[in-house]
PDB file of N, CA and C in Angstrom:
ATOM      1  N   MET A   1      -7.582 -19.525  29.797  1.00  0.00           N
ATOM      2  CA  MET A   1      -6.807 -18.593  28.920  1.00  0.00           C
ATOM      3  C   MET A   1      -7.366 -17.270  29.344  1.00  0.00           C
ATOM      4  N   ASN A   2      -6.777 -16.262  29.303  1.00  0.00           N
ATOM      5  CA  ASN A   2      -6.849 -14.967  29.707  1.00  0.00           C
ATOM      6  C   ASN A   2      -6.957 -14.204  28.338  1.00  0.00           C
ATOM      7  N   ASP A   3      -8.205 -13.627  28.193  1.00  0.00           N
ATOM      8  CA  ASP A   3      -8.587 -12.884  26.992  1.00  0.00           C
ATOM      9  C   ASP A   3      -8.465 -11.461  27.124  1.00  0.00           C
ATOM     10  N   ILE A   4      -8.198 -10.777  28.401  1.00  0.00           N
ATOM     11  CA  ILE A   4      -7.947  -9.575  28.652  1.00  0.00           C
ATOM     12  C   ILE A   4      -6.712  -8.992  28.099  1.00  0.00           C
ATOM     13  N   GLU A   5      -6.957  -7.954  27.302  1.00  0.00           N
ATOM     14  CA  GLU A   5      -5.703  -7.182  26.704  1.00  0.00           C
ATOM     15  C   GLU A   5      -5.139  -6.213  27.663  1.00  0.00           C
ATOM     16  N   PRO A   6      -3.858  -6.251  27.642  1.00  0.00           N
ATOM     17  CA  PRO A   6      -3.150  -5.284  28.417  1.00  0.00           C
ATOM     18  C   PRO A   6      -3.651  -3.826  28.104  1.00  0.00           C
ATOM     19  N   PRO A   7      -3.510  -2.981  29.104  1.00  0.00           N
ATOM     20  CA  PRO A   7      -4.055  -1.515  28.699  1.00  0.00           C
ATOM     21  C   PRO A   7      -3.087  -0.927  27.741  1.00  0.00           C
ATOM     22  N   LEU A   8      -3.802   0.124  27.029  1.00  0.00           N
ATOM     23  CA  LEU A   8      -2.916   0.885  26.152  1.00  0.00           C
ATOM     24  C   LEU A   8      -1.756   1.708  26.935  1.00  0.00           C
ATOM     25  N   LEU A   9      -0.677   1.646  26.431  1.00  0.00           N
ATOM     26  CA  LEU A   9       0.527   2.544  26.975  1.00  0.00           C
ATOM     27  C   LEU A   9      -0.018   4.023  27.281  1.00  0.00           C
ATOM     28  N   ALA A  10      -0.641   4.416  26.331  1.00  0.00           N
ATOM     29  CA  ALA A  10      -0.960   5.985  26.540  1.00  0.00           C
ATOM     30  C   ALA A  10      -2.213   6.126  27.735  1.00  0.00           C
ATOM     31  N   ASP A  11      -2.856   5.057  27.947  1.00  0.00           N
ATOM     32  CA  ASP A  11      -3.681   4.958  29.423  1.00  0.00           C
ATOM     33  C   ASP A  11      -2.776   4.939  30.720  1.00  0.00           C
ATOM     34  N   VAL A  12      -1.640   4.240  30.619  1.00  0.00           N
ATOM     35  CA  VAL A  12      -0.787   4.141  31.726  1.00  0.00           C
ATOM     36  C   VAL A  12       0.037   5.341  31.890  1.00  0.00           C
ATOM     37  N   TYR A  13       0.753   5.643  30.770  1.00  0.00           N
ATOM     38  CA  TYR A  13       1.855   6.707  30.788  1.00  0.00           C
ATOM     39  C   TYR A  13       1.627   7.756  29.729  1.00  0.00           C
ATOM     40  N   PRO A  14       0.632   8.707  29.761  1.00  0.00           N
ATOM     41  CA  PRO A  14       0.245   9.345  28.549  1.00  0.00           C
ATOM     42  C   PRO A  14       1.420  10.525  28.083  1.00  0.00           C
ATOM     43  N   ALA A  15       2.164  10.932  29.307  1.00  0.00           N
ATOM     44  CA  ALA A  15       3.284  11.905  28.842  1.00  0.00           C
ATOM     45  C   ALA A  15       4.258  11.159  28.123  1.00  0.00           C
ATOM     46  N   LEU A  16       4.426  10.118  28.459  1.00  0.00           N
ATOM     47  CA  LEU A  16       5.700   9.192  27.645  1.00  0.00           C
ATOM     48  C   LEU A  16       5.042   9.019  26.228  1.00  0.00           C
ATOM     49  N   VAL A  17       3.806   8.671  26.097  1.00  0.00           N
ATOM     50  CA  VAL A  17       3.530   8.346  24.608  1.00  0.00           C
ATOM     51  C   VAL A  17       3.430   9.688  23.886  1.00  0.00           C
ATOM     52  N   SER A  18       3.088  10.656  24.555  1.00  0.00           N
ATOM     53  CA  SER A  18       2.832  12.057  23.771  1.00  0.00           C
ATOM     54  C   SER A  18       4.568  12.519  23.439  1.00  0.00           C
ATOM     55  N   PHE A  19       5.449  12.290  24.345  1.00  0.00           N
ATOM     56  CA  PHE A  19       6.874  12.494  24.069  1.00  0.00           C
ATOM     57  C   PHE A  19       7.419  11.702  22.901  1.00  0.00           C
ATOM     58  N   LEU A  20       7.168  10.341  23.025  1.00  0.00           N
ATOM     59  CA  LEU A  20       7.473   9.671  21.856  1.00  0.00           C
ATOM     60  C   LEU A  20       7.069   9.797  20.503  1.00  0.00           C
ATOM     61  N   ASP A  21       5.657  10.028  20.590  1.00  0.00           N
ATOM     62  CA  ASP A  21       4.966  10.569  19.408  1.00  0.00           C
ATOM     63  C   ASP A  21       5.775  11.746  18.795  1.00  0.00           C
ATOM     64  N   ALA A  22       5.940  12.904  19.325  1.00  0.00           N
ATOM     65  CA  ALA A  22       6.489  13.910  18.954  1.00  0.00           C
ATOM     66  C   ALA A  22       8.122  13.901  18.549  1.00  0.00           C
ATOM     67  N   ALA A  23       8.663  12.949  19.355  1.00  0.00           N
ATOM     68  CA  ALA A  23      10.175  12.757  19.088  1.00  0.00           C
ATOM     69  C   ALA A  23      10.259  11.881  17.775  1.00  0.00           C
ATOM     70  N   LEU A  24       9.578  10.861  17.462  1.00  0.00           N
ATOM     71  CA  LEU A  24       9.519  10.080  16.303  1.00  0.00           C
ATOM     72  C   LEU A  24       9.238  10.750  15.151  1.00  0.00           C
ATOM     73  N   VAL A  25       7.974  11.698  15.211  1.00  0.00           N
ATOM     74  CA  VAL A  25       7.745  12.540  14.018  1.00  0.00           C
ATOM     75  C   VAL A  25       8.959  13.385  13.718  1.00  0.00           C
ATOM     76  N   GLU A  26       9.556  13.972  14.781  1.00  0.00           N
ATOM     77  CA  GLU A  26      10.799  14.969  14.553  1.00  0.00           C
ATOM     78  C   GLU A  26      11.956  14.230  13.882  1.00  0.00           C
ATOM     79  N   GLU A  27      11.936  13.059  14.152  1.00  0.00           N
ATOM     80  CA  GLU A  27      12.972  11.951  13.804  1.00  0.00           C
ATOM     81  C   GLU A  27      12.681  11.750  12.255  1.00  0.00           C
ATOM     82  N   GLY A  28      11.554  11.820  11.773  1.00  0.00           N
ATOM     83  CA  GLY A  28      11.163  11.393  10.435  1.00  0.00           C
ATOM     84  C   GLY A  28      10.603  10.037  10.500  1.00  0.00           C
ATOM     85  N   GLU A  29       9.910   9.556  11.621  1.00  0.00           N
ATOM     86  CA  GLU A  29       9.447   8.203  11.690  1.00  0.00           C
ATOM     87  C   GLU A  29       8.169   8.532  12.044  1.00  0.00           C
ATOM     88  N   PRO A  30       7.234   8.998  11.068  1.00  0.00           N
ATOM     89  CA  PRO A  30       5.807   9.168  11.407  1.00  0.00           C
ATOM     90  C   PRO A  30       4.980   7.758  11.705  1.00  0.00           C
ATOM     91  N   ALA A  31       5.350   6.897  10.752  1.00  0.00           N
ATOM     92  CA  ALA A  31       4.542   5.622  10.929  1.00  0.00           C
ATOM     93  C   ALA A  31       4.860   4.899  12.251  1.00  0.00           C
ATOM     94  N   LEU A  32       6.138   5.103  12.929  1.00  0.00           N
ATOM     95  CA  LEU A  32       6.373   4.572  14.136  1.00  0.00           C
ATOM     96  C   LEU A  32       5.716   5.269  15.254  1.00  0.00           C
ATOM     97  N   ALA A  33       5.588   6.646  14.896  1.00  0.00           N
ATOM     98  CA  ALA A  33       4.882   7.527  15.954  1.00  0.00           C
ATOM     99  C   ALA A  33       3.405   6.955  15.824  1.00  0.00           C
ATOM    100  N   GLN A  34       2.852   6.689  14.906  1.00  0.00           N
ATOM    101  CA  GLN A  34       1.470   6.157  15.004  1.00  0.00           C
ATOM    102  C   GLN A  34       1.486   4.834  15.675  1.00  0.00           C
ATOM    103  N   ALA A  35       2.334   4.011  15.608  1.00  0.00           N
ATOM    104  CA  ALA A  35       2.558   2.712  16.099  1.00  0.00           C
ATOM    105  C   ALA A  35       2.673   2.762  17.730  1.00  0.00           C
ATOM    106  N   VAL A  36       3.302   4.051  18.228  1.00  0.00           N
ATOM    107  CA  VAL A  36       3.398   4.086  19.632  1.00  0.00           C
ATOM    108  C   VAL A  36       2.017   4.244  20.188  1.00  0.00           C
ATOM    109  N   ARG A  37       1.182   5.023  19.673  1.00  0.00           N
ATOM    110  CA  ARG A  37      -0.216   5.154  20.107  1.00  0.00           C
ATOM    111  C   ARG A  37      -1.175   3.814  20.290  1.00  0.00           C
ATOM    112  N   ARG A  38      -0.544   2.802  19.710  1.00  0.00           N
ATOM    113  CA  ARG A  38      -1.300   1.504  19.708  1.00  0.00           C
ATOM    114  C   ARG A  38      -0.559   0.556  20.531  1.00  0.00           C
ATOM    115  N   LEU A  39       0.513   0.941  21.275  1.00  0.00           N
ATOM    116  CA  LEU A  39       1.299   0.059  22.038  1.00  0.00           C
ATOM    117  C   LEU A  39       0.479  -0.319  23.218  1.00  0.00           C
ATOM    118  N   ARG A  40       0.566  -1.575  23.712  1.00  0.00           N
ATOM    119  CA  ARG A  40       0.071  -2.178  24.951  1.00  0.00           C
ATOM    120  C   ARG A  40       1.269  -1.987  26.089  1.00  0.00           C
ATOM    121  N   PHE A  41       0.705  -1.984  27.301  1.00  0.00           N
ATOM    122  CA  PHE A  41       1.629  -1.992  28.416  1.00  0.00           C
ATOM    123  C   PHE A  41       1.554  -3.208  28.962  1.00  0.00           C
ATOM    124  N   HIS A  42       2.718  -3.961  28.883  1.00  0.00           N
ATOM    125  CA  HIS A  42       2.866  -5.399  29.255  1.00  0.00           C
ATOM    126  C   HIS A  42       3.735  -5.526  30.409  1.00  0.00           C
ATOM    127  N   GLY A  43       3.925  -4.397  31.165  1.00  0.00           N
ATOM    128  CA  GLY A  43       4.775  -4.466  32.358  1.00  0.00           C
ATOM    129  C   GLY A  43       6.373  -4.154  32.380  1.00  0.00           C
ATOM    130  N   TRP A  44       6.882  -4.445  33.571  1.00  0.00           N
ATOM    131  CA  TRP A  44       8.429  -4.212  33.177  1.00  0.00           C
ATOM    132  C   TRP A  44       8.868  -5.427  33.426  1.00  0.00           C
ATOM    133  N   CYS A  45      10.367  -5.440  32.914  1.00  0.00           N
ATOM    134  CA  CYS A  45      11.130  -6.646  32.461  1.00  0.00           C
ATOM    135  C   CYS A  45      11.264  -7.505  33.847  1.00  0.00           C
ATOM    136  N   GLY A  46      11.526  -7.160  35.106  1.00  0.00           N
ATOM    137  CA  GLY A  46      11.607  -7.925  36.241  1.00  0.00           C
ATOM    138  C   GLY A  46      12.808  -8.618  36.234  1.00  0.00           C
ATOM    139  N   CYS A  47      13.944  -8.488  35.531  1.00  0.00           N
ATOM    140  CA  CYS A  47      15.109  -9.254  35.794  1.00  0.00           C
ATOM    141  C   CYS A  47      15.852  -8.813  36.693  1.00  0.00           C
ATOM    142  N   SER A  48      15.663  -7.731  37.330  1.00  0.00           N
ATOM    143  CA  SER A  48      16.238  -7.106  38.625  1.00  0.00           C
ATOM    144  C   SER A  48      15.389  -5.974  39.130  1.00  0.00           C
ATOM    145  N   ARG A  49      15.668  -5.576  40.239  1.00  0.00           N
ATOM    146  CA  ARG A  49      14.720  -4.557  40.832  1.00  0.00           C
ATOM    147  C   ARG A  49      15.145  -3.206  40.111  1.00  0.00           C
ATOM    148  N   THR A  50      16.258  -3.138  39.558  1.00  0.00           N
ATOM    149  CA  THR A  50      16.749  -1.718  39.087  1.00  0.00           C
ATOM    150  C   THR A  50      16.846  -1.708  37.636  1.00  0.00           C
ATOM    151  N   CYS A  51      16.014  -2.789  37.005  1.00  0.00           N
ATOM    152  CA  CYS A  51      15.761  -2.622  35.346  1.00  0.00           C
ATOM    153  C   CYS A  51      14.897  -1.704  35.026  1.00  0.00           C
ATOM    154  N   ASN A  52      14.996  -1.091  33.998  1.00  0.00           N
ATOM    155  CA  ASN A  52      14.089   0.081  33.596  1.00  0.00           C
ATOM    156  C   ASN A  52      13.444  -0.350  32.194  1.00  0.00           C
ATOM    157  N   TYR A  53      13.454  -1.478  31.903  1.00  0.00           N
ATOM    158  CA  TYR A  53      12.830  -1.970  30.617  1.00  0.00           C
ATOM    159  C   TYR A  53      11.568  -2.168  30.369  1.00  0.00           C
ATOM    160  N   LEU A  54      10.687  -1.257  30.005  1.00  0.00           N
ATOM    161  CA  LEU A  54       9.355  -1.430  29.833  1.00  0.00           C
ATOM    162  C   LEU A  54       8.871  -2.327  28.713  1.00  0.00           C
ATOM    163  N   ARG A  55       8.177  -3.320  28.906  1.00  0.00           N
ATOM    164  CA  ARG A  55       7.684  -4.329  27.774  1.00  0.00           C
ATOM    165  C   ARG A  55       6.506  -3.570  27.128  1.00  0.00           C
ATOM    166  N   THR A  56       6.279  -3.687  25.826  1.00  0.00           N
ATOM    167  CA  THR A  56       5.050  -3.323  25.148  1.00  0.00           C
ATOM    168  C   THR A  56       4.730  -4.491  24.167  1.00  0.00           C
ATOM    169  N   GLY A  57       5.196  -5.566  24.084  1.00  0.00           N
ATOM    170  CA  GLY A  57       4.958  -6.619  23.322  1.00  0.00           C
ATOM    171  C   GLY A  57       5.598  -7.963  23.838  1.00  0.00           C
ATOM    172  N   PRO A  58       5.388  -9.067  23.339  1.00  0.00           N
ATOM    173  CA  PRO A  58       6.046 -10.296  23.879  1.00  0.00           C
ATOM    174  C   PRO A  58       7.498 -10.266  23.409  1.00  0.00           C
ATOM    175  N   ALA A  59       8.428 -11.069  24.387  1.00  0.00           N
ATOM    176  CA  ALA A  59       9.989 -10.685  24.394  1.00  0.00           C
ATOM    177  C   ALA A  59      10.300 -11.468  23.169  1.00  0.00           C
ATOM    178  N   LEU A  60       9.505 -12.555  22.650  1.00  0.00           N
ATOM    179  CA  LEU A  60       9.895 -13.277  21.413  1.00  0.00           C
ATOM    180  C   LEU A  60       9.958 -12.320  20.243  1.00  0.00           C
ATOM    181  N   ARG A  61       9.286 -11.102  20.235  1.00  0.00           N
ATOM    182  CA  ARG A  61       9.064 -10.276  19.168  1.00  0.00           C
ATOM    183  C   ARG A  61      10.098  -9.181  18.943  1.00  0.00           C
ATOM    184  N   ALA A  62      10.887  -9.271  19.956  1.00  0.00           N
ATOM    185  CA  ALA A  62      12.088  -8.077  20.158  1.00  0.00           C
ATOM    186  C   ALA A  62      13.097  -8.396  19.019  1.00  0.00           C
ATOM    187  N   ALA A  63      13.587  -7.403  18.254  1.00  0.00           N
ATOM    188  CA  ALA A  63      14.761  -7.439  17.465  1.00  0.00           C
ATOM    189  C   ALA A  63      15.778  -6.899  18.092  1.00  0.00           C
ATOM    190  N   ASN A  64      17.004  -6.844  17.443  1.00  0.00           N
ATOM    191  CA  ASN A  64      18.170  -6.245  18.077  1.00  0.00           C
ATOM    192  C   ASN A  64      18.550  -4.814  17.428  1.00  0.00           C
ATOM    193  N   ALA A  65      17.470  -4.289  16.869  1.00  0.00           N
ATOM    194  CA  ALA A  65      17.575  -2.869  16.495  1.00  0.00           C
ATOM    195  C   ALA A  65      16.851  -1.828  17.500  1.00  0.00           C
ATOM    196  N   TRP A  66      17.660  -0.848  17.655  1.00  0.00           N
ATOM    197  CA  TRP A  66      16.965   0.092  18.661  1.00  0.00           C
ATOM    198  C   TRP A  66      17.110   1.717  18.077  1.00  0.00           C
ATOM    199  N   ILE A  67      15.973   2.359  18.514  1.00  0.00           N
ATOM    200  CA  ILE A  67      16.211   3.879  18.259  1.00  0.00           C
ATOM    201  C   ILE A  67      16.454   4.606  19.717  1.00  0.00           C
ATOM    202  N   HIS A  68      17.262   5.384  19.553  1.00  0.00           N
ATOM    203  CA  HIS A  68      17.792   6.061  20.862  1.00  0.00           C
ATOM    204  C   HIS A  68      17.284   7.646  20.464  1.00  0.00           C
ATOM    205  N   LEU A  69      16.438   7.969  21.675  1.00  0.00           N
ATOM    206  CA  LEU A  69      16.027   9.309  21.703  1.00  0.00           C
ATOM    207  C   LEU A  69      16.642   9.826  22.833  1.00  0.00           C
ATOM    208  N   ASP A  70      17.561  10.832  22.410  1.00  0.00           N
ATOM    209  CA  ASP A  70      18.575  11.438  23.438  1.00  0.00           C
ATOM    210  C   ASP A  70      18.385  13.020  23.503  1.00  0.00           C
ATOM    211  N   ASP A  71      18.719  13.479  24.641  1.00  0.00           N
ATOM    212  CA  ASP A  71      18.653  15.099  24.641  1.00  0.00           C
ATOM    213  C   ASP A  71      20.208  15.349  24.789  1.00  0.00           C
ATOM    214  N   GLY A  72      20.626  15.788  23.516  1.00  0.00           N
ATOM    215  CA  GLY A  72      22.209  15.789  23.591  1.00  0.00           C
ATOM    216  C   GLY A  72      22.948  14.525  23.967  1.00  0.00           C
ATOM    217  N   GLU A  73      23.626  14.742  24.968  1.00  0.00           N
ATOM    218  CA  GLU A  73      24.363  13.588  25.595  1.00  0.00           C
ATOM    219  C   GLU A  73      23.710  12.736  26.558  1.00  0.00           C
ATOM    220  N   THR A  74      22.639  13.148  26.895  1.00  0.00           N
ATOM    221  CA  THR A  74      21.805  12.365  27.879  1.00  0.00           C
ATOM    222  C   THR A  74      20.685  11.348  27.256  1.00  0.00           C
ATOM    223  N   PRO A  75      20.866  10.206  27.570  1.00  0.00           N
ATOM    224  CA  PRO A  75      19.909   9.381  26.885  1.00  0.00           C
ATOM    225  C   PRO A  75      18.558   9.585  27.610  1.00  0.00           C
ATOM    226  N   ARG A  76      17.394   9.586  27.006  1.00  0.00           N
ATOM    227  CA  ARG A  76      16.033   9.803  27.430  1.00  0.00           C
ATOM    228  C   ARG A  76      15.413   8.492  27.365  1.00  0.00           C
ATOM    229  N   VAL A  77      15.090   7.932  26.351  1.00  0.00           N
ATOM    230  CA  VAL A  77      14.180   6.722  26.001  1.00  0.00           C
ATOM    231  C   VAL A  77      14.925   5.877  24.996  1.00  0.00           C
ATOM    232  N   TRP A  78      15.191   4.726  25.057  1.00  0.00           N
ATOM    233  CA  TRP A  78      15.662   3.792  23.991  1.00  0.00           C
ATOM    234  C   TRP A  78      14.584   2.906  23.597  1.00  0.00           C
ATOM    235  N   LEU A  79      14.189   2.824  22.375  1.00  0.00           N
ATOM    236  CA  LEU A  79      12.975   1.986  21.985  1.00  0.00           C
ATOM    237  C   LEU A  79      13.624   0.770  21.011  1.00  0.00           C
ATOM    238  N   GLN A  80      13.135  -0.451  21.598  1.00  0.00           N
ATOM    239  CA  GLN A  80      13.541  -1.643  20.825  1.00  0.00           C
ATOM    240  C   GLN A  80      12.416  -1.895  19.740  1.00  0.00           C
ATOM    241  N   LEU A  81      12.885  -2.088  18.446  1.00  0.00           N
ATOM    242  CA  LEU A  81      11.890  -2.458  17.614  1.00  0.00           C
ATOM    243  C   LEU A  81      11.560  -3.822  17.657  1.00  0.00           C
ATOM    244  N   ASP A  82      10.314  -4.060  17.045  1.00  0.00           N
ATOM    245  CA  ASP A  82       9.960  -5.363  16.912  1.00  0.00           C
ATOM    246  C   ASP A  82      10.675  -6.124  15.631  1.00  0.00           C
ATOM    247  N   GLN A  83      10.362  -7.296  15.479  1.00  0.00           N
ATOM    248  CA  GLN A  83      10.960  -8.055  14.341  1.00  0.00           C
ATOM    249  C   GLN A  83      10.633  -7.485  13.071  1.00  0.00           C
ATOM    250  N   ASP A  84       9.373  -7.018  12.991  1.00  0.00           N
ATOM    251  CA  ASP A  84       8.967  -6.396  11.814  1.00  0.00           C
ATOM    252  C   ASP A  84       9.351  -5.028  11.338  1.00  0.00           C
ATOM    253  N   ASP A  85      10.111  -4.452  12.416  1.00  0.00           N
ATOM    254  CA  ASP A  85      10.410  -2.876  12.225  1.00  0.00           C
ATOM    255  C   ASP A  85       9.492  -2.024  12.188  1.00  0.00           C
ATOM    256  N   ALA A  86       8.349  -2.496  12.695  1.00  0.00           N
ATOM    257  CA  ALA A  86       7.090  -1.475  12.401  1.00  0.00           C
ATOM    258  C   ALA A  86       6.392  -1.091  13.771  1.00  0.00           C
ATOM    259  N   SER A  87       6.805  -1.429  14.613  1.00  0.00           N
ATOM    260  CA  SER A  87       6.392  -1.244  16.097  1.00  0.00           C
ATOM    261  C   SER A  87       7.661  -1.546  17.112  1.00  0.00           C
ATOM    262  N   PHE A  88       7.226  -1.518  18.364  1.00  0.00           N
ATOM    263  CA  PHE A  88       8.156  -1.575  19.475  1.00  0.00           C
ATOM    264  C   PHE A  88       7.892  -2.771  20.446  1.00  0.00           C
ATOM    265  N   ALA A  89       8.911  -3.599  20.641  1.00  0.00           N
ATOM    266  CA  ALA A  89       8.709  -4.646  21.596  1.00  0.00           C
ATOM    267  C   ALA A  89       8.961  -4.051  23.093  1.00  0.00           C
ATOM    268  N   GLY A  90       9.538  -2.996  23.317  1.00  0.00           N
ATOM    269  CA  GLY A  90       9.823  -2.605  24.329  1.00  0.00           C
ATOM    270  C   GLY A  90      10.625  -1.204  24.519  1.00  0.00           C
ATOM    271  N   MET A  91      10.966  -0.662  25.731  1.00  0.00           N
ATOM    272  CA  MET A  91      11.807   0.406  25.616  1.00  0.00           C
ATOM    273  C   MET A  91      12.525   0.356  27.057  1.00  0.00           C
ATOM    274  N   GLU A  92      13.890   0.998  26.793  1.00  0.00           N
ATOM    275  CA  GLU A  92      14.574   1.360  28.253  1.00  0.00           C
ATOM    276  C   GLU A  92      14.152   2.951  28.399  1.00  0.00           C
ATOM    277  N   ILE A  93      13.678   3.064  29.845  1.00  0.00           N
ATOM    278  CA  ILE A  93      13.458   4.383  30.170  1.00  0.00           C
ATOM    279  C   ILE A  93      14.684   4.860  30.880  1.00  0.00           C
ATOM    280  N   CYS A  94      15.433   5.718  30.278  1.00  0.00           N
ATOM    281  CA  CYS A  94      16.778   6.139  30.881  1.00  0.00           C
ATOM    282  C   CYS A  94      16.775   7.517  31.551  1.00  0.00           C
ATOM    283  N   ASP A  95      16.148   8.432  31.092  1.00  0.00           N
ATOM    284  CA  ASP A  95      16.155   9.766  31.809  1.00  0.00           C
ATOM    285  C   ASP A  95      14.833  10.441  31.299  1.00  0.00           C
ATOM    286  N   PHE A  96      13.507   9.979  31.798  1.00  0.00           N
ATOM    287  CA  PHE A  96      12.302  10.351  31.433  1.00  0.00           C
ATOM    288  C   PHE A  96      11.282  10.433  32.792  1.00  0.00           C
ATOM    289  N   GLU A  97      10.711  11.546  32.978  1.00  0.00           N
ATOM    290  CA  GLU A  97       9.998  11.472  34.220  1.00  0.00           C
ATOM    291  C   GLU A  97       8.711  11.006  33.694  1.00  0.00           C
ATOM    292  N   LEU A  98       8.063   9.928  34.025  1.00  0.00           N
ATOM    293  CA  LEU A  98       7.034   9.337  33.964  1.00  0.00           C
ATOM    294  C   LEU A  98       5.821   9.913  34.639  1.00  0.00           C
ATOM    295  N   GLY A  99       5.995  10.620  35.636  1.00  0.00           N
ATOM    296  CA  GLY A  99       5.039  10.960  36.451  1.00  0.00           C
ATOM    297  C   GLY A  99       4.420  10.020  37.521  1.00  0.00           C
ATOM    298  N   PRO A 100       3.446  10.368  38.170  1.00  0.00           N
ATOM    299  CA  PRO A 100       3.125   9.491  39.289  1.00  0.00           C
ATOM    300  C   PRO A 100       2.707   8.006  38.666  1.00  0.00           C
ATOM    301  N   ALA A 101       3.043   6.944  39.648  1.00  0.00           N
ATOM    302  CA  ALA A 101       2.717   5.572  39.110  1.00  0.00           C
ATOM    303  C   ALA A 101       1.083   5.475  39.022  1.00  0.00           C
ATOM    304  N   SER A 102       0.852   4.777  37.853  1.00  0.00           N
ATOM    305  CA  SER A 102      -0.530   4.764  37.433  1.00  0.00           C
ATOM    306  C   SER A 102      -0.979   3.623  38.209  1.00  0.00           C
ATOM    307  N   ALA A 103      -2.450   3.497  38.573  1.00  0.00           N
ATOM    308  CA  ALA A 103      -3.150   2.544  39.263  1.00  0.00           C
ATOM    309  C   ALA A 103      -2.953   1.213  38.298  1.00  0.00           C
ATOM    310  N   LEU A 104      -2.599   1.406  37.019  1.00  0.00           N
ATOM    311  CA  LEU A 104      -2.730   0.402  35.859  1.00  0.00           C
ATOM    312  C   LEU A 104      -0.937  -0.149  35.964  1.00  0.00           C
ATOM    313  N   ASP A 105      -0.360   0.358  36.791  1.00  0.00           N
ATOM    314  CA  ASP A 105       1.139  -0.167  36.995  1.00  0.00           C
ATOM    315  C   ASP A 105       1.435  -0.243  38.341  1.00  0.00           C
ATOM    316  N   PRO A 106       1.205  -1.233  39.056  1.00  0.00           N
ATOM    317  CA  PRO A 106       1.374  -1.189  40.547  1.00  0.00           C
ATOM    318  C   PRO A 106       2.864  -1.779  40.830  1.00  0.00           C
ATOM    319  N   ASP A 107       3.592  -2.487  39.743  1.00  0.00           N
ATOM    320  CA  ASP A 107       4.866  -2.938  39.896  1.00  0.00           C
ATOM    321  C   ASP A 107       5.869  -2.087  39.260  1.00  0.00           C
ATOM    322  N   ARG A 108       5.854  -0.821  39.066  1.00  0.00           N
ATOM    323  CA  ARG A 108       6.784  -0.021  38.604  1.00  0.00           C
ATOM    324  C   ARG A 108       8.123   0.078  39.459  1.00  0.00           C
ATOM    325  N   PRO A 109       9.172  -0.152  38.930  1.00  0.00           N
ATOM    326  CA  PRO A 109      10.419  -0.102  39.748  1.00  0.00           C
ATOM    327  C   PRO A 109      10.744   1.278  40.199  1.00  0.00           C
ATOM    328  N   GLY A 110      11.306   1.150  41.319  1.00  0.00           N
ATOM    329  CA  GLY A 110      11.494   2.460  42.217  1.00  0.00           C
ATOM    330  C   GLY A 110      12.809   3.171  41.438  1.00  0.00           C
ATOM    331  N   THR A 111      13.319   2.786  40.437  1.00  0.00           N
ATOM    332  CA  THR A 111      14.362   3.591  39.903  1.00  0.00           C
ATOM    333  C   THR A 111      14.025   4.426  38.767  1.00  0.00           C
ATOM    334  N   VAL A 112      12.423   4.435  38.412  1.00  0.00           N
ATOM    335  CA  VAL A 112      12.030   4.819  37.160  1.00  0.00           C
ATOM    336  C   VAL A 112      11.327   6.158  37.830  1.00  0.00           C
ATOM    337  N   GLY A 113      11.493   7.161  37.123  1.00  0.00           N
ATOM    338  CA  GLY A 113      10.996   8.587  37.546  1.00  0.00           C
ATOM    339  C   GLY A 113       9.435   8.759  37.337  1.00  0.00           C
TER     340      GLY A 113
END
């Protein structure tokens, strides 16, 4: 049994966590902004080479509710709530520059910025 926890998302993609934190506070969701700081990086979906879904929790925890963080008409990041609506099971990276691939993420899809 593997007891090693996945790294914090903030350690893998600090710019993403900073953006999500600020955007969620601006949307009036301070509790969810705090939850973002505790998210773990569980890797990418892997259903296809072009999938941009980043997992931050077990797939079984995903709910059907999403929060869309858009820049006008341009989707940036779509967050999938967990079943408790208190955190996120994952997110679709639509139009957000993640920066250089972290050593903690050797499997990042080539379609993600």
